[in-house]
């Protein structure tokens, strides 16, 4: 809902950075969809914090391993 009054597009920063990196041919991975799809997503970040928990680091490591195969 980009542009709707009062709406916040939470994916916009990742999308804009992805577009910039793509234009510069810099590979990126957007983990937001991975985090959203995780069945235990509430454990990805530390409580009350935006930093990854040990579980969240495991999710990132698993996705990186999957993409590097």
C-alpha atoms as a PDB file:
ATOM      1  CA  UNK A   1       0.000   0.000   0.000  1.00  0.00           C
ATOM      2  CA  UNK A   2       2.680   2.481  -0.834  1.00  0.00           C
ATOM      3  CA  UNK A   3       1.336   6.008  -0.863  1.00  0.00           C
ATOM      4  CA  UNK A   4      -1.953   5.401   0.937  1.00  0.00           C
ATOM      5  CA  UNK A   5      -2.500   8.082   3.597  1.00  0.00           C
ATOM      6  CA  UNK A   6      -1.467   6.839   7.021  1.00  0.00           C
ATOM      7  CA  UNK A   7       0.065   3.616   5.702  1.00  0.00           C
ATOM      8  CA  UNK A   8       3.596   2.508   6.305  1.00  0.00           C
ATOM      9  CA  UNK A   9       5.269   0.337   3.704  1.00  0.00           C
ATOM     10  CA  UNK A  10       7.560  -1.733   5.933  1.00  0.00           C
ATOM     11  CA  UNK A  11       9.094  -3.440   2.898  1.00  0.00           C
ATOM     12  CA  UNK A  12      10.105  -0.182   1.198  1.00  0.00           C
ATOM     13  CA  UNK A  13      13.602   0.144   2.741  1.00  0.00           C
ATOM     14  CA  UNK A  14      14.594  -3.406   1.769  1.00  0.00           C
ATOM     15  CA  UNK A  15      13.051  -2.985  -1.678  1.00  0.00           C
ATOM     16  CA  UNK A  16      14.895   0.304  -2.313  1.00  0.00           C
ATOM     17  CA  UNK A  17      18.223  -1.106  -1.137  1.00  0.00           C
ATOM     18  CA  UNK A  18      17.621  -4.208  -3.265  1.00  0.00           C
ATOM     19  CA  UNK A  19      16.923  -2.065  -6.323  1.00  0.00           C
ATOM     20  CA  UNK A  20      20.066  -0.012  -5.761  1.00  0.00           C
ATOM     21  CA  UNK A  21      22.219  -3.093  -5.262  1.00  0.00           C
ATOM     22  CA  UNK A  22      20.714  -4.751  -8.325  1.00  0.00           C
ATOM     23  CA  UNK A  23      21.517  -1.668 -10.421  1.00  0.00           C
ATOM     24  CA  UNK A  24      25.121  -1.910  -9.175  1.00  0.00           C
ATOM     25  CA  UNK A  25      25.150  -5.700  -9.691  1.00  0.00           C
ATOM     26  CA  UNK A  26      25.711  -6.347  -5.990  1.00  0.00           C
ATOM     27  CA  UNK A  27      24.052  -9.596  -4.873  1.00  0.00           C
ATOM     28  CA  UNK A  28      21.745  -9.332  -1.862  1.00  0.00           C
ATOM     29  CA  UNK A  29      19.394 -11.504   0.163  1.00  0.00           C
ATOM     30  CA  UNK A  30      16.232 -10.045   1.651  1.00  0.00           C
ATOM     31  CA  UNK A  31      15.543 -12.094   4.765  1.00  0.00           C
ATOM     32  CA  UNK A  32      12.167 -10.455   5.513  1.00  0.00           C
ATOM     33  CA  UNK A  33      10.190 -13.066   3.533  1.00  0.00           C
ATOM     34  CA  UNK A  34      12.203 -15.842   5.196  1.00  0.00           C
ATOM     35  CA  UNK A  35      11.444 -14.442   8.647  1.00  0.00           C
ATOM     36  CA  UNK A  36       7.744 -14.020   7.821  1.00  0.00           C
ATOM     37  CA  UNK A  37       7.476 -17.606   6.578  1.00  0.00           C
ATOM     38  CA  UNK A  38       9.132 -19.098   9.665  1.00  0.00           C
ATOM     39  CA  UNK A  39       6.568 -20.981  11.768  1.00  0.00           C
ATOM     40  CA  UNK A  40       8.309 -19.841  14.956  1.00  0.00           C
ATOM     41  CA  UNK A  41       8.914 -16.274  13.756  1.00  0.00           C
ATOM     42  CA  UNK A  42       8.337 -14.721  17.173  1.00  0.00           C
ATOM     43  CA  UNK A  43      11.678 -16.198  18.273  1.00  0.00           C
ATOM     44  CA  UNK A  44      13.742 -14.613  15.483  1.00  0.00           C
ATOM     45  CA  UNK A  45      14.468 -11.370  17.348  1.00  0.00           C
ATOM     46  CA  UNK A  46      15.422 -10.706  20.938  1.00  0.00           C
ATOM     47  CA  UNK A  47      12.398  -9.689  23.024  1.00  0.00           C
ATOM     48  CA  UNK A  48      11.777  -5.947  22.683  1.00  0.00           C
ATOM     49  CA  UNK A  49      14.760  -5.575  20.353  1.00  0.00           C
ATOM     50  CA  UNK A  50      15.443  -5.668  16.630  1.00  0.00           C
ATOM     51  CA  UNK A  51      18.629  -7.734  16.987  1.00  0.00           C
ATOM     52  CA  UNK A  52      18.588 -11.392  16.036  1.00  0.00           C
ATOM     53  CA  UNK A  53      18.353 -14.036  18.725  1.00  0.00           C
ATOM     54  CA  UNK A  54      20.366 -17.261  18.562  1.00  0.00           C
ATOM     55  CA  UNK A  55      17.335 -18.816  16.871  1.00  0.00           C
ATOM     56  CA  UNK A  56      17.248 -15.949  14.336  1.00  0.00           C
ATOM     57  CA  UNK A  57      20.925 -16.425  13.540  1.00  0.00           C
ATOM     58  CA  UNK A  58      20.150 -20.086  12.895  1.00  0.00           C
ATOM     59  CA  UNK A  59      17.383 -19.116  10.474  1.00  0.00           C
ATOM     60  CA  UNK A  60      19.790 -16.808   8.617  1.00  0.00           C
ATOM     61  CA  UNK A  61      22.497 -19.495   8.544  1.00  0.00           C
ATOM     62  CA  UNK A  62      20.038 -22.039   7.189  1.00  0.00           C
ATOM     63  CA  UNK A  63      18.900 -19.725   4.404  1.00  0.00           C
ATOM     64  CA  UNK A  64      22.482 -18.835   3.487  1.00  0.00           C
ATOM     65  CA  UNK A  65      23.417 -22.529   3.365  1.00  0.00           C
ATOM     66  CA  UNK A  66      20.373 -23.288   1.199  1.00  0.00           C
ATOM     67  CA  UNK A  67      21.295 -20.547  -1.292  1.00  0.00           C
ATOM     68  CA  UNK A  68      24.976 -21.495  -1.428  1.00  0.00           C
ATOM     69  CA  UNK A  69      24.291 -25.111  -2.372  1.00  0.00           C
END
